[in-house]
Structure formats: structure tokens, C-alpha cells
Amino acid sequence: MSTTSDDIKKAAQAVAKLERQLALQKVKARKADTRRKIEFGGLVIKAELNQYSKAVILGALLSIMDDLGREPELEALFKLKGEAAFMDHLS
């Protein structure tokens, strides 16, 4: 009978360990998501778009997405402009 009790305890410990691991993964994912949002907010500020309303910024971003869908070569242009802006920031 103690074997069954020991098995139950081991199973409960394994479940508890998995629950702790899951909780830790959720915390890590939430932190990564928060960091990503902060970084993108920083880009809005770097581009000096923070002087506009959230609706204007979102509308502009949606417009860019439409343009990229129609003209994929714009991605290379935007990438070059972005890289140049980062380089100016580092100098």
C-alpha cells in the first residue's frame, strides 16, 4: 500500500514541478512581450512620431503595411532609412 502512496506523492511532485516550470515560462513570455512593446514605443519616439495622436500613428502604420503589400521593394528602402537612422544615433 505504501508503494501506491509513494507513487501518488511522486506524481504530485512531478505535477507541481511542471506547474512551476509553466508559471516561469509564462513570466518569461510576458517579460519578453513587454520588452518588445517598449522597444517599439522607443521607435515611435525616435522617429518623432510621438507628437501625433495614437490614431494618427496607427493609421500611418496601417498605410505603410498597405504600401508594403503593393510594393514589396519599399521594405528595402525603409530598411536602409532605418539603419541610417540607427547609425546617426550611434555617432
Protein backbone atom coordinates (compact mmCIF):
# COMPACT_ATOMS: atom_id res chain seq x y z
CA MET A 1 0.00 0.00 0.00
CA SER A 2 2.88 2.37 0.67
CA THR A 3 4.02 1.91 -2.92
CA THR A 4 0.77 3.44 -4.16
CA SER A 5 1.09 6.27 -1.67
CA ASP A 6 4.69 6.86 -2.75
CA ASP A 7 3.63 6.81 -6.41
CA ILE A 8 0.92 9.38 -5.71
CA LYS A 9 3.42 11.63 -3.88
CA LYS A 10 5.90 11.35 -6.74
CA ALA A 11 3.20 12.13 -9.28
CA ALA A 12 2.07 15.14 -7.23
CA GLN A 13 5.65 16.38 -7.03
CA ALA A 14 6.07 15.98 -10.77
CA VAL A 15 2.85 17.91 -11.39
CA ALA A 16 3.97 20.68 -9.01
CA LYS A 17 7.33 20.90 -10.78
CA LEU A 18 5.65 21.16 -14.18
CA GLU A 19 3.29 23.84 -12.85
CA ARG A 20 6.28 25.86 -11.58
CA GLN A 21 8.02 25.49 -14.95
CA LEU A 22 4.87 26.60 -16.77
CA ALA A 23 4.50 29.61 -14.48
CA LEU A 24 8.14 30.56 -15.10
CA GLN A 25 7.67 30.24 -18.88
CA LYS A 26 4.60 32.49 -18.68
CA VAL A 27 6.55 35.12 -16.73
CA LYS A 28 9.41 34.97 -19.26
CA ALA A 29 6.99 35.30 -22.18
CA ARG A 30 5.23 38.25 -20.53
CA LYS A 31 8.58 39.99 -19.90
CA ALA A 32 9.67 39.40 -23.50
CA ASP A 33 6.37 40.81 -24.76
CA THR A 34 6.72 43.86 -22.51
CA ARG A 35 10.28 44.45 -23.70
CA ARG A 36 9.16 44.19 -27.33
CA LYS A 37 6.41 46.74 -26.76
CA ILE A 38 8.82 49.13 -25.04
CA GLU A 39 11.27 48.80 -27.93
CA PHE A 40 8.59 49.56 -30.50
CA GLY A 41 7.41 52.51 -28.43
CA GLY A 42 11.00 53.73 -28.45
CA LEU A 43 10.99 53.57 -32.23
CA VAL A 44 7.92 55.78 -32.35
CA ILE A 45 9.73 58.30 -30.16
CA LYS A 46 12.98 58.03 -32.17
CA ALA A 47 11.03 58.75 -35.34
CA GLU A 48 9.50 61.75 -33.53
CA LEU A 49 6.02 60.42 -34.18
CA ASN A 50 5.06 60.75 -30.51
CA GLN A 51 3.89 64.30 -31.25
CA TYR A 52 0.92 62.78 -33.07
CA SER A 53 -2.13 61.05 -31.64
CA LYS A 54 -2.24 57.29 -31.31
CA ALA A 55 -4.88 57.19 -34.04
CA VAL A 56 -2.63 59.07 -36.48
CA ILE A 57 0.34 56.82 -35.69
CA LEU A 58 -1.73 53.66 -36.12
CA GLY A 59 -3.23 55.00 -39.35
CA ALA A 60 0.24 55.75 -40.71
CA LEU A 61 1.48 52.28 -39.80
CA LEU A 62 -1.54 50.67 -41.43
CA SER A 63 -0.92 52.78 -44.54
CA ILE A 64 2.70 51.59 -44.63
CA MET A 65 1.51 47.99 -44.38
CA ASP A 66 -0.77 48.56 -47.36
CA ASP A 67 2.08 50.14 -49.33
CA LEU A 68 4.43 47.26 -48.49
CA GLY A 69 1.80 44.81 -49.70
CA ARG A 70 1.56 46.59 -53.05
CA GLU A 71 5.25 47.46 -53.40
CA PRO A 72 7.48 44.93 -51.61
CA GLU A 73 10.63 46.79 -52.74
CA LEU A 74 9.73 49.53 -50.27
CA GLU A 75 10.89 47.22 -47.49
CA ALA A 76 14.50 47.55 -48.69
CA LEU A 77 14.16 51.34 -48.82
CA PHE A 78 12.65 51.52 -45.33
CA LYS A 79 15.35 49.18 -44.02
CA LEU A 80 18.11 51.42 -45.41
CA LYS A 81 16.49 54.51 -43.91
CA GLY A 82 16.09 52.78 -40.56
CA GLU A 83 19.66 51.52 -40.50
CA ALA A 84 20.90 55.03 -41.35
CA ALA A 85 18.84 56.47 -38.52
CA PHE A 86 20.32 53.97 -36.09
CA MET A 87 23.83 54.79 -37.30
CA ASP A 88 23.20 58.53 -36.79
CA HIS A 89 22.09 57.73 -33.27
CA LEU A 90 25.30 55.80 -32.55
CA SER A 91 27.64 58.50 -33.86
